[in-house]
Amino acid sequence: MTIQPDLASQAVQDPGLIEEIQVLDHRIRFGPTHSGWVSFVARQGQRPTIVLACDRQTLLAQSHKLVEQRVEALR
């Protein structure tokens, strides 16, 4: 098994600022970048989808919407 680099740590300004939340069966890791905010949304064992936004509130709203769309598609 190859070790994949931690994309969240590489994308944010300060890796110590990375936050993580669980929404349904998805993990959302997010933090500030030099020009806005980035999140990585993924279910266990899947590659993350990258979401970009200008502020934290918008980023979290977009990330939650993505999770809801994915869950609905699985039904």
N, C-alpha and C. Protein backbone atom coordinates (compact mmCIF):
# COMPACT_ATOMS: atom_id res chain seq x y z
N MET A 1 0.84 -1.17 0.00
CA MET A 1 0.00 0.00 0.00
C MET A 1 0.89 1.24 0.00
N THR A 2 0.59 2.17 -0.88
CA THR A 2 1.38 3.40 -0.93
C THR A 2 0.77 4.45 -0.02
N ILE A 3 1.60 5.26 0.55
CA ILE A 3 1.14 6.33 1.43
C ILE A 3 0.84 7.55 0.58
N GLN A 4 -0.36 8.06 0.70
CA GLN A 4 -0.75 9.25 -0.05
C GLN A 4 -0.46 10.48 0.80
N PRO A 5 0.03 11.54 0.15
CA PRO A 5 0.30 12.77 0.92
C PRO A 5 -1.00 13.36 1.44
N ASP A 6 -0.91 14.05 2.55
CA ASP A 6 -2.07 14.70 3.15
C ASP A 6 -2.31 16.02 2.41
N LEU A 7 -3.29 16.01 1.51
CA LEU A 7 -3.57 17.18 0.69
C LEU A 7 -3.95 18.39 1.53
N ALA A 8 -4.69 18.16 2.61
CA ALA A 8 -5.12 19.28 3.44
C ALA A 8 -3.91 20.00 4.04
N SER A 9 -2.94 19.27 4.51
CA SER A 9 -1.76 19.88 5.11
C SER A 9 -0.96 20.69 4.09
N GLN A 10 -0.96 20.24 2.86
CA GLN A 10 -0.21 20.94 1.82
C GLN A 10 -0.94 22.18 1.31
N ALA A 11 -2.26 22.21 1.42
CA ALA A 11 -3.04 23.30 0.84
C ALA A 11 -3.24 24.49 1.75
N VAL A 12 -3.30 24.28 3.04
CA VAL A 12 -3.61 25.38 3.94
C VAL A 12 -2.36 26.14 4.34
N GLN A 13 -2.55 27.39 4.75
CA GLN A 13 -1.43 28.25 5.15
C GLN A 13 -0.65 27.63 6.30
N ASP A 14 -1.36 27.22 7.31
CA ASP A 14 -0.75 26.69 8.53
C ASP A 14 -1.42 25.35 8.85
N PRO A 15 -0.70 24.21 8.66
CA PRO A 15 -1.31 22.90 8.92
C PRO A 15 -1.91 22.76 10.31
N GLY A 16 -1.50 23.59 11.25
CA GLY A 16 -2.08 23.55 12.58
C GLY A 16 -3.50 24.09 12.64
N LEU A 17 -3.93 24.74 11.56
CA LEU A 17 -5.27 25.33 11.51
C LEU A 17 -6.30 24.40 10.86
N ILE A 18 -5.91 23.22 10.45
CA ILE A 18 -6.83 22.29 9.80
C ILE A 18 -7.88 21.83 10.81
N GLU A 19 -9.13 21.95 10.40
CA GLU A 19 -10.25 21.47 11.21
C GLU A 19 -10.86 20.26 10.52
N GLU A 20 -11.55 19.45 11.29
CA GLU A 20 -12.19 18.26 10.73
C GLU A 20 -13.54 18.05 11.38
N ILE A 21 -14.54 17.74 10.55
CA ILE A 21 -15.87 17.40 11.06
C ILE A 21 -16.38 16.17 10.33
N GLN A 22 -17.29 15.47 10.95
CA GLN A 22 -17.96 14.32 10.35
C GLN A 22 -19.39 14.74 10.04
N VAL A 23 -19.82 14.50 8.81
CA VAL A 23 -21.20 14.77 8.40
C VAL A 23 -21.70 13.49 7.75
N LEU A 24 -22.71 12.90 8.40
CA LEU A 24 -23.22 11.60 7.97
C LEU A 24 -22.03 10.65 7.91
N ASP A 25 -21.74 10.04 6.77
CA ASP A 25 -20.60 9.13 6.71
C ASP A 25 -19.42 9.74 5.96
N HIS A 26 -19.35 11.05 5.91
CA HIS A 26 -18.29 11.77 5.22
C HIS A 26 -17.41 12.52 6.21
N ARG A 27 -16.14 12.63 5.86
CA ARG A 27 -15.20 13.43 6.64
C ARG A 27 -14.89 14.69 5.85
N ILE A 28 -15.00 15.83 6.51
CA ILE A 28 -14.67 17.11 5.88
C ILE A 28 -13.48 17.70 6.63
N ARG A 29 -12.37 17.85 5.92
CA ARG A 29 -11.19 18.50 6.49
C ARG A 29 -11.04 19.84 5.78
N PHE A 30 -10.83 20.90 6.53
CA PHE A 30 -10.81 22.23 5.92
C PHE A 30 -9.92 23.19 6.68
N GLY A 31 -9.55 24.26 5.97
CA GLY A 31 -8.73 25.29 6.58
C GLY A 31 -8.51 26.45 5.62
N PRO A 32 -7.91 27.53 6.13
CA PRO A 32 -7.67 28.71 5.31
C PRO A 32 -6.47 28.53 4.40
N THR A 33 -6.54 29.15 3.22
CA THR A 33 -5.40 29.19 2.30
C THR A 33 -4.98 30.66 2.18
N HIS A 34 -4.02 30.92 1.32
CA HIS A 34 -3.58 32.30 1.12
C HIS A 34 -4.66 33.15 0.47
N SER A 35 -5.58 32.53 -0.26
CA SER A 35 -6.58 33.32 -0.99
C SER A 35 -8.02 32.98 -0.64
N GLY A 36 -8.27 32.17 0.37
CA GLY A 36 -9.63 31.79 0.74
C GLY A 36 -9.63 30.58 1.65
N TRP A 37 -10.57 29.68 1.40
CA TRP A 37 -10.70 28.46 2.21
C TRP A 37 -10.81 27.25 1.29
N VAL A 38 -10.34 26.10 1.77
CA VAL A 38 -10.41 24.86 1.01
C VAL A 38 -10.90 23.73 1.93
N SER A 39 -11.70 22.83 1.37
CA SER A 39 -12.09 21.64 2.12
C SER A 39 -11.91 20.41 1.25
N PHE A 40 -11.74 19.29 1.91
CA PHE A 40 -11.59 17.99 1.27
C PHE A 40 -12.69 17.11 1.85
N VAL A 41 -13.63 16.70 0.99
CA VAL A 41 -14.81 15.97 1.41
C VAL A 41 -14.70 14.54 0.88
N ALA A 42 -14.77 13.54 1.77
CA ALA A 42 -14.66 12.16 1.30
C ALA A 42 -15.30 11.18 2.27
N ARG A 43 -15.78 10.09 1.70
CA ARG A 43 -16.20 8.94 2.51
C ARG A 43 -14.98 8.07 2.72
N GLN A 44 -15.04 7.19 3.68
CA GLN A 44 -13.94 6.27 3.96
C GLN A 44 -13.57 5.50 2.70
N GLY A 45 -12.30 5.51 2.35
CA GLY A 45 -11.81 4.74 1.21
C GLY A 45 -12.00 5.40 -0.14
N GLN A 46 -12.51 6.61 -0.17
CA GLN A 46 -12.69 7.32 -1.44
C GLN A 46 -11.74 8.51 -1.53
N ARG A 47 -11.47 8.91 -2.76
CA ARG A 47 -10.66 10.11 -2.97
C ARG A 47 -11.50 11.33 -2.62
N PRO A 48 -10.87 12.35 -2.06
CA PRO A 48 -11.65 13.53 -1.67
C PRO A 48 -12.03 14.41 -2.84
N THR A 49 -13.15 15.09 -2.67
CA THR A 49 -13.55 16.16 -3.57
C THR A 49 -13.10 17.46 -2.93
N ILE A 50 -12.49 18.33 -3.72
CA ILE A 50 -11.98 19.59 -3.21
C ILE A 50 -13.03 20.68 -3.43
N VAL A 51 -13.31 21.43 -2.37
CA VAL A 51 -14.25 22.54 -2.43
C VAL A 51 -13.49 23.80 -2.06
N LEU A 52 -13.66 24.86 -2.85
CA LEU A 52 -13.02 26.14 -2.59
C LEU A 52 -14.07 27.21 -2.35
N ALA A 53 -13.76 28.15 -1.47
CA ALA A 53 -14.68 29.27 -1.20
C ALA A 53 -13.88 30.45 -0.65
N CYS A 54 -14.51 31.62 -0.70
CA CYS A 54 -13.81 32.82 -0.23
C CYS A 54 -13.84 32.97 1.29
N ASP A 55 -14.82 32.31 1.96
CA ASP A 55 -14.87 32.42 3.42
C ASP A 55 -15.31 31.08 4.03
N ARG A 56 -15.10 30.95 5.33
CA ARG A 56 -15.36 29.70 6.05
C ARG A 56 -16.83 29.30 6.00
N GLN A 57 -17.72 30.25 6.20
CA GLN A 57 -19.15 29.96 6.25
C GLN A 57 -19.64 29.41 4.90
N THR A 58 -19.23 30.03 3.82
CA THR A 58 -19.62 29.57 2.48
C THR A 58 -19.04 28.20 2.21
N LEU A 59 -17.78 27.99 2.59
CA LEU A 59 -17.13 26.69 2.39
C LEU A 59 -17.90 25.58 3.09
N LEU A 60 -18.26 25.80 4.34
CA LEU A 60 -18.98 24.77 5.08
C LEU A 60 -20.36 24.51 4.49
N ALA A 61 -21.03 25.55 4.02
CA ALA A 61 -22.34 25.37 3.39
C ALA A 61 -22.21 24.55 2.11
N GLN A 62 -21.21 24.85 1.29
CA GLN A 62 -21.00 24.11 0.05
C GLN A 62 -20.60 22.66 0.34
N SER A 63 -19.78 22.44 1.34
CA SER A 63 -19.35 21.09 1.70
C SER A 63 -20.52 20.25 2.20
N HIS A 64 -21.37 20.84 3.05
CA HIS A 64 -22.55 20.14 3.53
C HIS A 64 -23.51 19.80 2.38
N LYS A 65 -23.67 20.74 1.46
CA LYS A 65 -24.54 20.51 0.31
C LYS A 65 -24.02 19.35 -0.54
N LEU A 66 -22.71 19.29 -0.74
CA LEU A 66 -22.10 18.19 -1.49
C LEU A 66 -22.39 16.86 -0.82
N VAL A 67 -22.23 16.79 0.49
CA VAL A 67 -22.51 15.55 1.23
C VAL A 67 -23.98 15.16 1.07
N GLU A 68 -24.87 16.11 1.22
CA GLU A 68 -26.30 15.82 1.08
C GLU A 68 -26.63 15.29 -0.32
N GLN A 69 -26.02 15.87 -1.35
CA GLN A 69 -26.25 15.41 -2.71
C GLN A 69 -25.73 13.99 -2.91
N ARG A 70 -24.57 13.69 -2.35
CA ARG A 70 -24.01 12.34 -2.47
C ARG A 70 -24.88 11.31 -1.77
N VAL A 71 -25.34 11.64 -0.57
CA VAL A 71 -26.17 10.72 0.19
C VAL A 71 -27.49 10.46 -0.54
N GLU A 72 -28.08 11.53 -1.08
CA GLU A 72 -29.33 11.40 -1.82
C GLU A 72 -29.14 10.54 -3.07
N ALA A 73 -28.00 10.68 -3.74
CA ALA A 73 -27.71 9.89 -4.94
C ALA A 73 -27.56 8.40 -4.63
N LEU A 74 -27.14 8.08 -3.42
CA LEU A 74 -26.96 6.68 -3.03
C LEU A 74 -28.29 5.99 -2.72
N ARG A 75 -29.33 6.75 -2.49
CA ARG A 75 -30.62 6.17 -2.12
C ARG A 75 -31.39 5.68 -3.32
